[in-house]
Amino acid sequence: QEEQEGRVCFHCGKEEANEVTFPKCSKCGVASYCSRDCQVSNWKSGGDKMGHKHTCAAYKRVGEDMMIMFSDDKDAARQDVLSKIRFYAFPYAVYKASKAGRGLLFVQSDSSLAVMSL
């Protein structure tokens, strides 16, 4: 029998005890909280991070296993990632684009698309 890893409160970082199970966010099913106070605090502000209110849809899209299964979700994740990236053009690239076309964007990362979209 495999031992499951305990959940961690998304707000304070407290780990689940053996006999206590943290409830999950009812919208995304991923975020877990040790108390109602932590859930409410994390919804808007999230401390030094963006509140869960702004990331809940992304967590719902990737689920607990951090995998994107549906093509519509993959498209939405790509749009989220592209909206977070700043592009910088330099004169040579602009010149080459006018001669050779738009080309493609290559993003190298050790993170999956699911993780980058969070």
C-alpha atoms as a PDB file:
ATOM      1  CA  GLN A   1       0.000   0.000   0.000  1.00  0.00           C
ATOM      2  CA  GLU A   2       1.434   3.357  -1.104  1.00  0.00           C
ATOM      3  CA  GLU A   3       1.543   6.183   1.359  1.00  0.00           C
ATOM      4  CA  GLN A   4      -0.036   9.373   0.014  1.00  0.00           C
ATOM      5  CA  GLU A   5       1.766  12.653   0.441  1.00  0.00           C
ATOM      6  CA  GLY A   6      -0.099  15.078   2.703  1.00  0.00           C
ATOM      7  CA  ARG A   7      -1.502  18.350   1.464  1.00  0.00           C
ATOM      8  CA  VAL A   8      -0.031  21.707   2.339  1.00  0.00           C
ATOM      9  CA  CYS A   9      -2.057  24.817   3.079  1.00  0.00           C
ATOM     10  CA  PHE A  10      -1.805  27.170   0.094  1.00  0.00           C
ATOM     11  CA  HIS A  11      -1.733  30.187   2.410  1.00  0.00           C
ATOM     12  CA  CYS A  12       0.404  29.416   5.463  1.00  0.00           C
ATOM     13  CA  GLY A  13       2.266  26.291   4.330  1.00  0.00           C
ATOM     14  CA  LYS A  14       1.104  24.132   7.246  1.00  0.00           C
ATOM     15  CA  GLU A  15       1.231  20.408   6.448  1.00  0.00           C
ATOM     16  CA  GLU A  16      -1.636  17.991   7.031  1.00  0.00           C
ATOM     17  CA  ALA A  17      -1.406  15.808  10.104  1.00  0.00           C
ATOM     18  CA  ASN A  18      -2.184  12.084   9.864  1.00  0.00           C
ATOM     19  CA  GLU A  19      -5.685  12.361  11.254  1.00  0.00           C
ATOM     20  CA  VAL A  20      -6.584  15.731   9.686  1.00  0.00           C
ATOM     21  CA  THR A  21      -7.465  16.234   6.013  1.00  0.00           C
ATOM     22  CA  PHE A  22      -7.404  19.757   4.598  1.00  0.00           C
ATOM     23  CA  PRO A  23     -10.440  20.643   2.481  1.00  0.00           C
ATOM     24  CA  LYS A  24      -9.815  21.673  -1.130  1.00  0.00           C
ATOM     25  CA  CYS A  25     -11.055  24.705  -3.045  1.00  0.00           C
ATOM     26  CA  SER A  26     -14.526  23.877  -4.336  1.00  0.00           C
ATOM     27  CA  LYS A  27     -13.861  25.599  -7.685  1.00  0.00           C
ATOM     28  CA  CYS A  28     -10.496  24.152  -8.762  1.00  0.00           C
ATOM     29  CA  GLY A  29     -10.182  21.103  -6.512  1.00  0.00           C
ATOM     30  CA  VAL A  30      -6.432  21.684  -6.148  1.00  0.00           C
ATOM     31  CA  ALA A  31      -5.789  24.375  -3.537  1.00  0.00           C
ATOM     32  CA  SER A  32      -6.104  23.128   0.029  1.00  0.00           C
ATOM     33  CA  TYR A  33      -6.384  25.102   3.233  1.00  0.00           C
ATOM     34  CA  CYS A  34      -5.917  24.287   6.907  1.00  0.00           C
ATOM     35  CA  SER A  35      -8.657  26.717   7.962  1.00  0.00           C
ATOM     36  CA  ARG A  36     -11.401  28.946   6.647  1.00  0.00           C
ATOM     37  CA  ASP A  37      -9.328  31.977   7.682  1.00  0.00           C
ATOM     38  CA  CYS A  38      -6.420  30.862   5.481  1.00  0.00           C
ATOM     39  CA  GLN A  39      -8.764  30.253   2.558  1.00  0.00           C
ATOM     40  CA  VAL A  40     -10.354  33.693   2.852  1.00  0.00           C
ATOM     41  CA  SER A  41      -6.980  35.413   3.306  1.00  0.00           C
ATOM     42  CA  ASN A  42      -5.476  33.643   0.310  1.00  0.00           C
ATOM     43  CA  TRP A  43      -8.427  34.268  -2.036  1.00  0.00           C
ATOM     44  CA  LYS A  44      -7.671  37.941  -2.700  1.00  0.00           C
ATOM     45  CA  SER A  45      -4.249  38.823  -1.371  1.00  0.00           C
ATOM     46  CA  GLY A  46      -2.218  35.655  -1.010  1.00  0.00           C
ATOM     47  CA  GLY A  47       0.463  37.484   0.947  1.00  0.00           C
ATOM     48  CA  ASP A  48       3.521  38.143  -1.254  1.00  0.00           C
ATOM     49  CA  LYS A  49       1.975  36.170  -4.119  1.00  0.00           C
ATOM     50  CA  MET A  50      -1.040  36.769  -6.328  1.00  0.00           C
ATOM     51  CA  GLY A  51      -4.237  35.641  -4.631  1.00  0.00           C
ATOM     52  CA  HIS A  52      -5.880  32.330  -5.477  1.00  0.00           C
ATOM     53  CA  LYS A  53      -8.765  34.266  -7.031  1.00  0.00           C
ATOM     54  CA  HIS A  54      -6.488  35.052  -9.987  1.00  0.00           C
ATOM     55  CA  THR A  55      -5.030  31.553 -10.374  1.00  0.00           C
ATOM     56  CA  CYS A  56      -8.007  29.324  -9.554  1.00  0.00           C
ATOM     57  CA  ALA A  57      -9.051  28.863 -13.208  1.00  0.00           C
ATOM     58  CA  ALA A  58      -5.500  27.834 -14.154  1.00  0.00           C
ATOM     59  CA  TYR A  59      -5.379  25.285 -11.317  1.00  0.00           C
ATOM     60  CA  LYS A  60      -8.740  23.906 -12.432  1.00  0.00           C
ATOM     61  CA  ARG A  61      -7.370  23.527 -15.956  1.00  0.00           C
ATOM     62  CA  VAL A  62      -4.309  21.525 -14.877  1.00  0.00           C
ATOM     63  CA  GLY A  63      -5.834  19.598 -11.952  1.00  0.00           C
ATOM     64  CA  GLU A  64      -3.978  17.861  -9.135  1.00  0.00           C
ATOM     65  CA  ASP A  65      -1.768  15.851 -11.482  1.00  0.00           C
ATOM     66  CA  MET A  66      -0.552  19.067 -13.207  1.00  0.00           C
ATOM     67  CA  MET A  67      -1.416  17.753 -16.671  1.00  0.00           C
ATOM     68  CA  ILE A  68      -3.459  19.435 -19.386  1.00  0.00           C
ATOM     69  CA  MET A  69      -5.693  16.870 -21.037  1.00  0.00           C
ATOM     70  CA  PHE A  70      -7.967  18.759 -23.435  1.00  0.00           C
ATOM     71  CA  SER A  71      -6.927  20.750 -26.517  1.00  0.00           C
ATOM     72  CA  ASP A  72      -9.110  23.727 -25.523  1.00  0.00           C
ATOM     73  CA  ASP A  73      -7.316  23.825 -22.173  1.00  0.00           C
ATOM     74  CA  LYS A  74      -3.936  23.622 -23.930  1.00  0.00           C
ATOM     75  CA  ASP A  75      -4.873  26.574 -26.131  1.00  0.00           C
ATOM     76  CA  ALA A  76      -5.964  28.586 -23.077  1.00  0.00           C
ATOM     77  CA  ALA A  77      -2.716  27.694 -21.284  1.00  0.00           C
ATOM     78  CA  ARG A  78      -0.643  28.800 -24.285  1.00  0.00           C
ATOM     79  CA  GLN A  79      -2.475  32.124 -24.315  1.00  0.00           C
ATOM     80  CA  ASP A  80      -1.843  32.570 -20.582  1.00  0.00           C
ATOM     81  CA  VAL A  81       1.865  31.850 -21.011  1.00  0.00           C
ATOM     82  CA  LEU A  82       2.214  34.135 -24.031  1.00  0.00           C
ATOM     83  CA  SER A  83       0.431  36.938 -22.200  1.00  0.00           C
ATOM     84  CA  LYS A  84       3.036  36.731 -19.415  1.00  0.00           C
ATOM     85  CA  ILE A  85       6.083  36.831 -21.709  1.00  0.00           C
ATOM     86  CA  ARG A  86       7.582  40.123 -22.799  1.00  0.00           C
ATOM     87  CA  PHE A  87       8.935  40.176 -26.313  1.00  0.00           C
ATOM     88  CA  TYR A  88      11.815  42.408 -27.276  1.00  0.00           C
ATOM     89  CA  ALA A  89      12.549  43.095 -30.936  1.00  0.00           C
ATOM     90  CA  PHE A  90      15.871  44.327 -32.141  1.00  0.00           C
ATOM     91  CA  PRO A  91      16.492  45.948 -35.552  1.00  0.00           C
ATOM     92  CA  TYR A  92      18.061  42.896 -37.186  1.00  0.00           C
ATOM     93  CA  ALA A  93      15.084  40.692 -36.254  1.00  0.00           C
ATOM     94  CA  VAL A  94      12.650  43.263 -37.635  1.00  0.00           C
ATOM     95  CA  TYR A  95      14.667  43.467 -40.876  1.00  0.00           C
ATOM     96  CA  LYS A  96      14.844  39.666 -41.200  1.00  0.00           C
ATOM     97  CA  ALA A  97      11.120  39.286 -40.480  1.00  0.00           C
ATOM     98  CA  SER A  98      10.295  41.567 -43.402  1.00  0.00           C
ATOM     99  CA  LYS A  99      12.446  39.400 -45.690  1.00  0.00           C
ATOM    100  CA  ALA A 100      11.862  35.919 -44.298  1.00  0.00           C
ATOM    101  CA  GLY A 101       8.431  36.070 -42.667  1.00  0.00           C
ATOM    102  CA  ARG A 102       7.289  35.886 -39.070  1.00  0.00           C
ATOM    103  CA  GLY A 103       8.965  32.603 -38.197  1.00  0.00           C
ATOM    104  CA  LEU A 104       8.229  30.901 -34.927  1.00  0.00           C
ATOM    105  CA  LEU A 105       8.752  31.395 -31.247  1.00  0.00           C
ATOM    106  CA  PHE A 106      10.809  28.866 -29.361  1.00  0.00           C
ATOM    107  CA  VAL A 107      10.542  28.876 -25.576  1.00  0.00           C
ATOM    108  CA  GLN A 108      12.858  26.568 -23.694  1.00  0.00           C
ATOM    109  CA  SER A 109      11.914  25.698 -20.158  1.00  0.00           C
ATOM    110  CA  ASP A 110      12.284  22.864 -17.703  1.00  0.00           C
ATOM    111  CA  SER A 111       8.627  23.411 -16.751  1.00  0.00           C
ATOM    112  CA  SER A 112       5.640  21.863 -18.491  1.00  0.00           C
ATOM    113  CA  LEU A 113       3.044  23.988 -20.255  1.00  0.00           C
ATOM    114  CA  ALA A 114       0.676  23.212 -17.381  1.00  0.00           C
ATOM    115  CA  VAL A 115       3.106  24.554 -14.795  1.00  0.00           C
ATOM    116  CA  MET A 116       4.079  27.609 -16.867  1.00  0.00           C
ATOM    117  CA  SER A 117       0.408  28.561 -17.254  1.00  0.00           C
ATOM    118  CA  LEU A 118      -0.048  28.900 -13.488  1.00  0.00           C
END
